[in-house]
Every structure is written in C-alpha cells, then in structure tokens.
Amino acid sequence: MSKAVTSFVLIAVFSGLLMALSLAVARHGYPFGLVGVRRLDAIASAQNFLPLAAIYFFSAMLMMILPLKAASIVLVNTADALMWTAIALLAAIVGSVLARWAFGQSSILNTLGDWRFLFAVAIVGCHLALNSLRRNVLLRSLAFSGFAALTLCCLFWNFMLR
C-alpha cells in the first residue's frame, strides 16, 4: 500500500512539474509549450479508465476460477501491471490538473469531479482485496459473478452520464 501511495505522489509531482513547465513556456509565447500541454491533456481524461477496468476485471474474473499456478501467472503478468497503470494514469491526471489550477485555471478542478475516476479507485480497491476473495468458495463464486458483470458493464454499457 505504501508503495502505491509513494508511486502516486511521485508521478503526480512529476506530471505536475511537466505541466507547469509546459504552461510556463506557452505563457512566454513559445509554441512548444502548447505541444506539451496538449500531450499531457491527451491522457488527462477519465474515459481512459474504462478499457483498463474492463481488462482488469476480466483478469480478476479469470483469477477466481483458475487454479493457483495459472491465477498467479495472470496476477503477475496482467493484474499487477493494470493496477500500476491505473495508479500512474490517475496520478498524471491529478498532477496535471493541480498544475493548471496553480497557473490560475480554477475551473479545471471540476475535472476531478468526474465519476468515471471511480473505475481507477475500483481497480486499486479490487486489487488490494483479491487475496481475501480467493479464500473461500462462496466469496470466489460471488467475486467471479461480480467481476463478470463489471467487465461487461465496462465494455458495453454507455456511460454518457454527465
């Protein structure tokens, strides 16, 4: 848990510094600053978490039914990587938004109120709870059903609520 928090904070600080540098360069009239801002803004969207969540929940669903050896392969090669990707992406978004706020764009904080950021929180929360979900058969069966429903929702449901 502390490794996840440390990673989140460091990535948020680094992306915030890069956004601040890009905004400062753009403020001085150089067009390269706008290129940096656009590149950092390209990842700063809550909709980027939907495909990540679908893949993560599918891998979690598989881990509930696979034998221990196969489940550990899925955990190490898929679920861990997706959890760290969600943390990195969320931290980059938070750092970029805070840098824009520091440069006087106060309305940008509304971006963090998007409910689709809950998918990133769900990925991290499920990852932390995976070990306890595999302990008994009832929890494993319920988790399998829940992860299947979450996978299908992330893939096919239209989340166009604003």
N, C-alpha and C. Protein backbone atom coordinates (compact mmCIF):
# COMPACT_ATOMS: atom_id res chain seq x y z
N MET A 1 0.83 -1.19 0.00
CA MET A 1 0.00 0.00 0.00
C MET A 1 0.86 1.25 0.00
N SER A 2 1.92 1.26 0.80
CA SER A 2 2.78 2.44 0.85
C SER A 2 3.52 2.64 -0.46
N LYS A 3 3.83 1.54 -1.15
CA LYS A 3 4.48 1.65 -2.46
C LYS A 3 3.52 2.29 -3.46
N ALA A 4 2.26 1.96 -3.38
CA ALA A 4 1.27 2.55 -4.28
C ALA A 4 1.10 4.04 -4.00
N VAL A 5 1.04 4.41 -2.73
CA VAL A 5 0.90 5.82 -2.37
C VAL A 5 2.13 6.62 -2.79
N THR A 6 3.31 6.06 -2.55
CA THR A 6 4.55 6.73 -2.95
C THR A 6 4.61 6.90 -4.47
N SER A 7 4.25 5.88 -5.20
CA SER A 7 4.24 5.96 -6.66
C SER A 7 3.24 7.02 -7.13
N PHE A 8 2.07 7.02 -6.53
CA PHE A 8 1.05 8.01 -6.89
C PHE A 8 1.57 9.43 -6.67
N VAL A 9 2.14 9.68 -5.52
CA VAL A 9 2.62 11.03 -5.19
C VAL A 9 3.75 11.45 -6.13
N LEU A 10 4.70 10.57 -6.36
CA LEU A 10 5.82 10.93 -7.23
C LEU A 10 5.37 11.19 -8.66
N ILE A 11 4.49 10.36 -9.19
CA ILE A 11 4.01 10.57 -10.56
C ILE A 11 3.19 11.85 -10.64
N ALA A 12 2.38 12.12 -9.62
CA ALA A 12 1.60 13.36 -9.61
C ALA A 12 2.53 14.59 -9.59
N VAL A 13 3.57 14.53 -8.79
CA VAL A 13 4.52 15.64 -8.73
C VAL A 13 5.24 15.81 -10.06
N PHE A 14 5.71 14.72 -10.63
CA PHE A 14 6.43 14.81 -11.91
C PHE A 14 5.54 15.33 -13.03
N SER A 15 4.32 14.81 -13.12
CA SER A 15 3.44 15.29 -14.19
C SER A 15 3.02 16.74 -13.93
N GLY A 16 2.87 17.10 -12.67
CA GLY A 16 2.57 18.50 -12.35
C GLY A 16 3.70 19.42 -12.73
N LEU A 17 4.92 18.99 -12.47
CA LEU A 17 6.07 19.80 -12.87
C LEU A 17 6.18 19.93 -14.38
N LEU A 18 5.93 18.84 -15.09
CA LEU A 18 5.97 18.91 -16.56
C LEU A 18 4.86 19.79 -17.12
N MET A 19 3.68 19.73 -16.53
CA MET A 19 2.59 20.60 -16.98
C MET A 19 2.92 22.06 -16.66
N ALA A 20 3.47 22.30 -15.48
CA ALA A 20 3.84 23.67 -15.12
C ALA A 20 4.92 24.20 -16.07
N LEU A 21 5.89 23.38 -16.42
CA LEU A 21 6.92 23.79 -17.37
C LEU A 21 6.30 24.11 -18.72
N SER A 22 5.41 23.26 -19.18
CA SER A 22 4.75 23.48 -20.48
C SER A 22 3.91 24.75 -20.45
N LEU A 23 3.18 24.97 -19.37
CA LEU A 23 2.36 26.17 -19.27
C LEU A 23 3.23 27.43 -19.19
N ALA A 24 4.34 27.35 -18.48
CA ALA A 24 5.24 28.50 -18.38
C ALA A 24 5.86 28.82 -19.73
N VAL A 25 6.28 27.80 -20.47
CA VAL A 25 6.85 28.01 -21.80
C VAL A 25 5.80 28.59 -22.74
N ALA A 26 4.57 28.09 -22.66
CA ALA A 26 3.49 28.60 -23.51
C ALA A 26 3.14 30.04 -23.13
N ARG A 27 3.21 30.37 -21.86
CA ARG A 27 2.90 31.72 -21.40
C ARG A 27 3.92 32.73 -21.93
N HIS A 28 5.13 32.27 -22.15
CA HIS A 28 6.17 33.15 -22.69
C HIS A 28 6.11 33.26 -24.21
N GLY A 29 5.14 32.61 -24.82
CA GLY A 29 4.91 32.76 -26.25
C GLY A 29 5.54 31.72 -27.14
N TYR A 30 6.13 30.70 -26.56
CA TYR A 30 6.74 29.65 -27.39
C TYR A 30 5.69 28.59 -27.73
N PRO A 31 5.59 28.20 -28.99
CA PRO A 31 4.56 27.21 -29.36
C PRO A 31 4.85 25.81 -28.83
N PHE A 32 6.07 25.55 -28.42
CA PHE A 32 6.40 24.22 -27.89
C PHE A 32 5.68 23.94 -26.58
N GLY A 33 5.37 24.97 -25.84
CA GLY A 33 4.65 24.79 -24.59
C GLY A 33 3.26 24.23 -24.81
N LEU A 34 2.59 24.71 -25.86
CA LEU A 34 1.26 24.19 -26.17
C LEU A 34 1.30 22.74 -26.60
N VAL A 35 2.39 22.34 -27.26
CA VAL A 35 2.54 20.93 -27.65
C VAL A 35 2.60 20.06 -26.39
N GLY A 36 3.39 20.49 -25.41
CA GLY A 36 3.50 19.74 -24.15
C GLY A 36 2.18 19.69 -23.40
N VAL A 37 1.48 20.82 -23.39
CA VAL A 37 0.18 20.86 -22.71
C VAL A 37 -0.80 19.90 -23.39
N ARG A 38 -0.84 19.92 -24.72
CA ARG A 38 -1.76 19.03 -25.45
C ARG A 38 -1.42 17.56 -25.21
N ARG A 39 -0.14 17.27 -25.16
CA ARG A 39 0.25 15.86 -24.93
C ARG A 39 -0.13 15.40 -23.54
N LEU A 40 0.06 16.25 -22.55
CA LEU A 40 -0.34 15.86 -21.20
C LEU A 40 -1.86 15.84 -21.05
N ASP A 41 -2.55 16.72 -21.75
CA ASP A 41 -4.02 16.71 -21.70
C ASP A 41 -4.61 15.50 -22.41
N ALA A 42 -3.88 14.93 -23.35
CA ALA A 42 -4.39 13.77 -24.09
C ALA A 42 -4.62 12.57 -23.17
N ILE A 43 -3.83 12.47 -22.11
CA ILE A 43 -4.03 11.36 -21.18
C ILE A 43 -4.93 11.75 -20.01
N ALA A 44 -5.22 13.03 -19.87
CA ALA A 44 -5.97 13.51 -18.72
C ALA A 44 -7.47 13.42 -18.95
N SER A 45 -7.96 12.22 -19.09
CA SER A 45 -9.38 12.01 -19.31
C SER A 45 -9.84 10.78 -18.53
N ALA A 46 -10.97 10.93 -17.88
CA ALA A 46 -11.49 9.82 -17.08
C ALA A 46 -11.96 8.66 -17.93
N GLN A 47 -12.27 8.91 -19.19
CA GLN A 47 -12.74 7.82 -20.06
C GLN A 47 -11.63 6.83 -20.37
N ASN A 48 -10.38 7.17 -20.12
CA ASN A 48 -9.27 6.24 -20.34
C ASN A 48 -9.29 5.06 -19.38
N PHE A 49 -10.03 5.19 -18.29
CA PHE A 49 -10.08 4.11 -17.31
C PHE A 49 -11.05 3.00 -17.67
N LEU A 50 -11.99 3.26 -18.57
CA LEU A 50 -12.98 2.23 -18.92
C LEU A 50 -12.35 1.00 -19.55
N PRO A 51 -11.51 1.12 -20.59
CA PRO A 51 -10.90 -0.10 -21.14
C PRO A 51 -9.94 -0.77 -20.17
N LEU A 52 -9.22 0.03 -19.38
CA LEU A 52 -8.34 -0.56 -18.37
C LEU A 52 -9.13 -1.37 -17.36
N ALA A 53 -10.25 -0.81 -16.93
CA ALA A 53 -11.08 -1.51 -15.95
C ALA A 53 -11.66 -2.80 -16.54
N ALA A 54 -12.06 -2.75 -17.80
CA ALA A 54 -12.61 -3.96 -18.42
C ALA A 54 -11.57 -5.08 -18.46
N ILE A 55 -10.36 -4.75 -18.86
CA ILE A 55 -9.31 -5.76 -18.92
C ILE A 55 -8.95 -6.25 -17.52
N TYR A 56 -8.88 -5.31 -16.56
CA TYR A 56 -8.54 -5.71 -15.20
C TYR A 56 -9.62 -6.63 -14.61
N PHE A 57 -10.88 -6.26 -14.74
CA PHE A 57 -11.95 -7.08 -14.17
C PHE A 57 -12.04 -8.44 -14.85
N PHE A 58 -11.73 -8.50 -16.14
CA PHE A 58 -11.70 -9.79 -16.84
C PHE A 58 -10.57 -10.66 -16.27
N SER A 59 -9.41 -10.07 -16.04
CA SER A 59 -8.31 -10.86 -15.47
C SER A 59 -8.64 -11.28 -14.03
N ALA A 60 -9.29 -10.41 -13.28
CA ALA A 60 -9.70 -10.78 -11.92
C ALA A 60 -10.73 -11.90 -11.95
N MET A 61 -11.63 -11.86 -12.93
CA MET A 61 -12.62 -12.92 -13.08
C MET A 61 -11.93 -14.25 -13.35
N LEU A 62 -10.92 -14.22 -14.24
CA LEU A 62 -10.18 -15.44 -14.52
C LEU A 62 -9.44 -15.96 -13.29
N MET A 63 -8.89 -15.05 -12.50
CA MET A 63 -8.16 -15.48 -11.30
C MET A 63 -9.06 -16.17 -10.29
N MET A 64 -10.35 -15.89 -10.33
CA MET A 64 -11.27 -16.51 -9.39
C MET A 64 -11.54 -17.97 -9.75
N ILE A 65 -11.39 -18.36 -11.03
CA ILE A 65 -11.72 -19.73 -11.42
C ILE A 65 -10.50 -20.55 -11.81
N LEU A 66 -9.38 -19.91 -12.08
CA LEU A 66 -8.19 -20.65 -12.48
C LEU A 66 -7.53 -21.32 -11.27
N PRO A 67 -6.80 -22.39 -11.50
CA PRO A 67 -6.00 -22.97 -10.42
C PRO A 67 -4.93 -21.98 -9.96
N LEU A 68 -4.35 -22.25 -8.82
CA LEU A 68 -3.45 -21.30 -8.18
C LEU A 68 -2.27 -20.91 -9.07
N LYS A 69 -1.64 -21.86 -9.74
CA LYS A 69 -0.48 -21.57 -10.58
C LYS A 69 -0.86 -20.68 -11.76
N ALA A 70 -1.94 -21.00 -12.44
CA ALA A 70 -2.39 -20.19 -13.57
C ALA A 70 -2.87 -18.81 -13.10
N ALA A 71 -3.55 -18.78 -11.96
CA ALA A 71 -4.02 -17.50 -11.42
C ALA A 71 -2.84 -16.59 -11.06
N SER A 72 -1.77 -17.19 -10.55
CA SER A 72 -0.60 -16.38 -10.21
C SER A 72 0.06 -15.80 -11.45
N ILE A 73 0.02 -16.53 -12.56
CA ILE A 73 0.56 -16.01 -13.82
C ILE A 73 -0.27 -14.82 -14.29
N VAL A 74 -1.60 -14.93 -14.20
CA VAL A 74 -2.47 -13.82 -14.59
C VAL A 74 -2.27 -12.63 -13.65
N LEU A 75 -2.12 -12.91 -12.37
CA LEU A 75 -1.91 -11.83 -11.39
C LEU A 75 -0.63 -11.07 -11.69
N VAL A 76 0.46 -11.78 -11.84
CA VAL A 76 1.76 -11.13 -12.02
C VAL A 76 1.87 -10.43 -13.38
N ASN A 77 1.35 -11.04 -14.42
CA ASN A 77 1.56 -10.51 -15.76
C ASN A 77 0.46 -9.58 -16.26
N THR A 78 -0.69 -9.58 -15.62
CA THR A 78 -1.79 -8.74 -16.09
C THR A 78 -2.31 -7.81 -15.00
N ALA A 79 -2.81 -8.38 -13.92
CA ALA A 79 -3.50 -7.57 -12.91
C ALA A 79 -2.56 -6.56 -12.25
N ASP A 80 -1.37 -6.99 -11.89
CA ASP A 80 -0.42 -6.04 -11.28
C ASP A 80 -0.09 -4.90 -12.23
N ALA A 81 0.17 -5.23 -13.48
CA ALA A 81 0.53 -4.20 -14.46
C ALA A 81 -0.63 -3.22 -14.66
N LEU A 82 -1.85 -3.72 -14.71
CA LEU A 82 -3.00 -2.84 -14.90
C LEU A 82 -3.26 -1.97 -13.68
N MET A 83 -3.03 -2.52 -12.48
CA MET A 83 -3.20 -1.72 -11.28
C MET A 83 -2.20 -0.58 -11.25
N TRP A 84 -0.94 -0.87 -11.59
CA TRP A 84 0.08 0.18 -11.60
C TRP A 84 -0.19 1.19 -12.71
N THR A 85 -0.74 0.73 -13.83
CA THR A 85 -1.10 1.65 -14.91
C THR A 85 -2.21 2.59 -14.47
N ALA A 86 -3.20 2.06 -13.77
CA ALA A 86 -4.30 2.90 -13.27
C ALA A 86 -3.78 3.93 -12.27
N ILE A 87 -2.88 3.51 -11.40
CA ILE A 87 -2.30 4.45 -10.43
C ILE A 87 -1.51 5.53 -11.15
N ALA A 88 -0.69 5.13 -12.12
CA ALA A 88 0.12 6.10 -12.85
C ALA A 88 -0.74 7.07 -13.64
N LEU A 89 -1.76 6.56 -14.30
CA LEU A 89 -2.63 7.42 -15.10
C LEU A 89 -3.42 8.39 -14.22
N LEU A 90 -3.95 7.91 -13.11
CA LEU A 90 -4.68 8.78 -12.20
C LEU A 90 -3.76 9.84 -11.59
N ALA A 91 -2.55 9.45 -11.24
CA ALA A 91 -1.60 10.41 -10.67
C ALA A 91 -1.20 11.46 -11.70
N ALA A 92 -1.02 11.06 -12.95
CA ALA A 92 -0.68 12.01 -14.00
C ALA A 92 -1.81 13.01 -14.21
N ILE A 93 -3.03 12.54 -14.15
CA ILE A 93 -4.19 13.42 -14.30
C ILE A 93 -4.26 14.41 -13.14
N VAL A 94 -4.10 13.90 -11.92
CA VAL A 94 -4.17 14.78 -10.74
C VAL A 94 -3.05 15.81 -10.78
N GLY A 95 -1.84 15.40 -11.12
CA GLY A 95 -0.72 16.33 -11.20
C GLY A 95 -0.92 17.40 -12.26
N SER A 96 -1.43 17.01 -13.41
CA SER A 96 -1.68 17.98 -14.49
C SER A 96 -2.78 18.98 -14.11
N VAL A 97 -3.83 18.47 -13.49
CA VAL A 97 -4.93 19.35 -13.09
C VAL A 97 -4.47 20.32 -12.00
N LEU A 98 -3.69 19.84 -11.05
CA LEU A 98 -3.20 20.73 -9.99
C LEU A 98 -2.24 21.79 -10.54
N ALA A 99 -1.44 21.44 -11.53
CA ALA A 99 -0.55 22.43 -12.14
C ALA A 99 -1.35 23.49 -12.88
N ARG A 100 -2.39 23.08 -13.59
CA ARG A 100 -3.25 24.06 -14.28
C ARG A 100 -3.93 24.97 -13.27
N TRP A 101 -4.37 24.39 -12.15
CA TRP A 101 -5.00 25.18 -11.10
C TRP A 101 -4.02 26.19 -10.52
N ALA A 102 -2.78 25.78 -10.35
CA ALA A 102 -1.76 26.69 -9.83
C ALA A 102 -1.45 27.84 -10.80
N PHE A 103 -1.70 27.61 -12.08
CA PHE A 103 -1.49 28.65 -13.08
C PHE A 103 -2.75 29.48 -13.32
N GLY A 104 -3.72 29.38 -12.43
CA GLY A 104 -4.87 30.27 -12.49
C GLY A 104 -6.10 29.73 -13.18
N GLN A 105 -6.11 28.51 -13.60
CA GLN A 105 -7.29 27.93 -14.25
C GLN A 105 -8.13 27.23 -13.19
N SER A 106 -8.87 28.02 -12.43
CA SER A 106 -9.57 27.48 -11.26
C SER A 106 -10.72 26.55 -11.63
N SER A 107 -11.29 26.69 -12.81
CA SER A 107 -12.41 25.82 -13.20
C SER A 107 -11.95 24.41 -13.56
N ILE A 108 -10.65 24.20 -13.69
CA ILE A 108 -10.12 22.89 -14.07
C ILE A 108 -10.32 21.86 -12.96
N LEU A 109 -10.50 22.30 -11.72
CA LEU A 109 -10.70 21.36 -10.61
C LEU A 109 -11.98 20.56 -10.77
N ASN A 110 -12.93 21.07 -11.56
CA ASN A 110 -14.16 20.33 -11.81
C ASN A 110 -13.89 19.03 -12.56
N THR A 111 -12.76 18.97 -13.25
CA THR A 111 -12.39 17.76 -13.98
C THR A 111 -12.24 16.58 -13.03
N LEU A 112 -11.73 16.84 -11.84
CA LEU A 112 -11.52 15.76 -10.87
C LEU A 112 -12.83 15.24 -10.29
N GLY A 113 -13.92 15.94 -10.53
CA GLY A 113 -15.23 15.50 -10.04
C GLY A 113 -15.92 14.51 -10.95
N ASP A 114 -15.28 14.11 -12.03
CA ASP A 114 -15.89 13.14 -12.96
C ASP A 114 -16.03 11.79 -12.26
N TRP A 115 -17.21 11.24 -12.31
CA TRP A 115 -17.49 10.00 -11.58
C TRP A 115 -16.76 8.80 -12.18
N ARG A 116 -16.28 8.92 -13.43
CA ARG A 116 -15.59 7.78 -14.05
C ARG A 116 -14.21 7.53 -13.44
N PHE A 117 -13.73 8.45 -12.61
CA PHE A 117 -12.49 8.19 -11.88
C PHE A 117 -12.68 7.07 -10.86
N LEU A 118 -13.93 6.76 -10.56
CA LEU A 118 -14.21 5.66 -9.64
C LEU A 118 -13.72 4.32 -10.20
N PHE A 119 -13.60 4.22 -11.53
CA PHE A 119 -13.07 2.98 -12.11
C PHE A 119 -11.62 2.76 -11.69
N ALA A 120 -10.84 3.82 -11.62
CA ALA A 120 -9.45 3.69 -11.16
C ALA A 120 -9.41 3.28 -9.70
N VAL A 121 -10.27 3.88 -8.90
CA VAL A 121 -10.34 3.51 -7.48
C VAL A 121 -10.81 2.06 -7.34
N ALA A 122 -11.74 1.64 -8.19
CA ALA A 122 -12.23 0.26 -8.15
C ALA A 122 -11.13 -0.73 -8.52
N ILE A 123 -10.31 -0.38 -9.49
CA ILE A 123 -9.20 -1.26 -9.87
C ILE A 123 -8.26 -1.46 -8.70
N VAL A 124 -7.86 -0.36 -8.07
CA VAL A 124 -6.91 -0.45 -6.95
C VAL A 124 -7.56 -1.15 -5.76
N GLY A 125 -8.81 -0.84 -5.47
CA GLY A 125 -9.50 -1.48 -4.35
C GLY A 125 -9.68 -2.98 -4.55
N CYS A 126 -10.06 -3.37 -5.76
CA CYS A 126 -10.21 -4.80 -6.05
C CYS A 126 -8.87 -5.51 -5.97
N HIS A 127 -7.82 -4.83 -6.42
CA HIS A 127 -6.51 -5.46 -6.39
C HIS A 127 -6.06 -5.71 -4.94
N LEU A 128 -6.37 -4.79 -4.08
CA LEU A 128 -6.00 -4.96 -2.68
C LEU A 128 -6.84 -6.04 -2.00
N ALA A 129 -8.04 -6.30 -2.52
CA ALA A 129 -8.93 -7.29 -1.91
C ALA A 129 -8.87 -8.66 -2.57
N LEU A 130 -8.08 -8.81 -3.62
CA LEU A 130 -8.07 -10.08 -4.36
C LEU A 130 -7.68 -11.27 -3.50
N ASN A 131 -6.71 -11.11 -2.65
CA ASN A 131 -6.24 -12.22 -1.84
C ASN A 131 -7.33 -12.75 -0.92
N SER A 132 -8.09 -11.84 -0.33
CA SER A 132 -9.15 -12.29 0.59
C SER A 132 -10.34 -12.88 -0.17
N LEU A 133 -10.53 -12.49 -1.43
CA LEU A 133 -11.65 -13.03 -2.20
C LEU A 133 -11.42 -14.49 -2.61
N ARG A 134 -10.19 -14.91 -2.72
CA ARG A 134 -9.90 -16.29 -3.15
C ARG A 134 -9.91 -17.28 -1.99
N ARG A 135 -10.15 -16.82 -0.78
CA ARG A 135 -10.00 -17.70 0.39
C ARG A 135 -11.11 -18.72 0.54
N ASN A 136 -12.33 -18.38 0.21
CA ASN A 136 -13.37 -19.40 0.34
C ASN A 136 -14.20 -19.45 -0.95
N VAL A 137 -14.87 -20.56 -1.12
CA VAL A 137 -15.55 -20.86 -2.37
C VAL A 137 -16.72 -19.91 -2.61
N LEU A 138 -17.46 -19.55 -1.58
CA LEU A 138 -18.60 -18.65 -1.75
C LEU A 138 -18.13 -17.27 -2.22
N LEU A 139 -17.12 -16.74 -1.54
CA LEU A 139 -16.60 -15.43 -1.96
C LEU A 139 -16.03 -15.47 -3.37
N ARG A 140 -15.36 -16.55 -3.69
CA ARG A 140 -14.79 -16.70 -5.02
C ARG A 140 -15.89 -16.74 -6.08
N SER A 141 -16.99 -17.44 -5.80
CA SER A 141 -18.11 -17.51 -6.74
C SER A 141 -18.79 -16.15 -6.90
N LEU A 142 -19.02 -15.49 -5.78
CA LEU A 142 -19.62 -14.16 -5.84
C LEU A 142 -18.71 -13.16 -6.56
N ALA A 143 -17.41 -13.24 -6.29
CA ALA A 143 -16.46 -12.34 -6.95
C ALA A 143 -16.41 -12.62 -8.45
N PHE A 144 -16.47 -13.90 -8.82
CA PHE A 144 -16.49 -14.24 -10.25
C PHE A 144 -17.69 -13.59 -10.93
N SER A 145 -18.86 -13.70 -10.31
CA SER A 145 -20.07 -13.10 -10.89
C SER A 145 -19.96 -11.58 -10.94
N GLY A 146 -19.46 -11.00 -9.88
CA GLY A 146 -19.31 -9.54 -9.84
C GLY A 146 -18.31 -9.03 -10.86
N PHE A 147 -17.18 -9.72 -10.98
CA PHE A 147 -16.17 -9.30 -11.96
C PHE A 147 -16.68 -9.49 -13.39
N ALA A 148 -17.47 -10.54 -13.62
CA ALA A 148 -18.06 -10.74 -14.96
C ALA A 148 -19.02 -9.60 -15.29
N ALA A 149 -19.84 -9.21 -14.33
CA ALA A 149 -20.78 -8.10 -14.55
C ALA A 149 -20.03 -6.79 -14.77
N LEU A 150 -18.99 -6.56 -13.99
CA LEU A 150 -18.20 -5.33 -14.16
C LEU A 150 -17.50 -5.30 -15.51
N THR A 151 -16.99 -6.43 -15.94
CA THR A 151 -16.33 -6.50 -17.25
C THR A 151 -17.31 -6.14 -18.36
N LEU A 152 -18.49 -6.73 -18.31
CA LEU A 152 -19.49 -6.47 -19.35
C LEU A 152 -19.98 -5.02 -19.29
N CYS A 153 -20.12 -4.48 -18.09
CA CYS A 153 -20.53 -3.07 -17.97
C CYS A 153 -19.48 -2.14 -18.56
N CYS A 154 -18.22 -2.41 -18.27
CA CYS A 154 -17.15 -1.55 -18.79
C CYS A 154 -17.04 -1.65 -20.31
N LEU A 155 -17.35 -2.79 -20.85
CA LEU A 155 -17.24 -2.96 -22.30
C LEU A 155 -18.45 -2.42 -23.06
N PHE A 156 -19.64 -2.69 -22.58
CA PHE A 156 -20.82 -2.48 -23.40
C PHE A 156 -21.79 -1.41 -22.91
N TRP A 157 -21.71 -1.00 -21.66
CA TRP A 157 -22.66 -0.03 -21.16
C TRP A 157 -22.24 1.36 -21.60
N ASN A 158 -23.20 2.19 -21.95
CA ASN A 158 -22.93 3.55 -22.38
C ASN A 158 -22.90 4.45 -21.15
N PHE A 159 -21.71 4.85 -20.74
CA PHE A 159 -21.53 5.69 -19.55
C PHE A 159 -21.50 7.16 -19.94
N MET A 160 -22.52 7.64 -20.57
CA MET A 160 -22.53 9.02 -21.04
C MET A 160 -23.25 9.95 -20.07
N LEU A 161 -23.26 9.63 -18.80
CA LEU A 161 -23.87 10.50 -17.79
C LEU A 161 -22.93 11.65 -17.49
N ARG A 162 -23.43 12.82 -17.36
CA ARG A 162 -22.60 13.98 -17.02
C ARG A 162 -23.17 14.67 -15.83
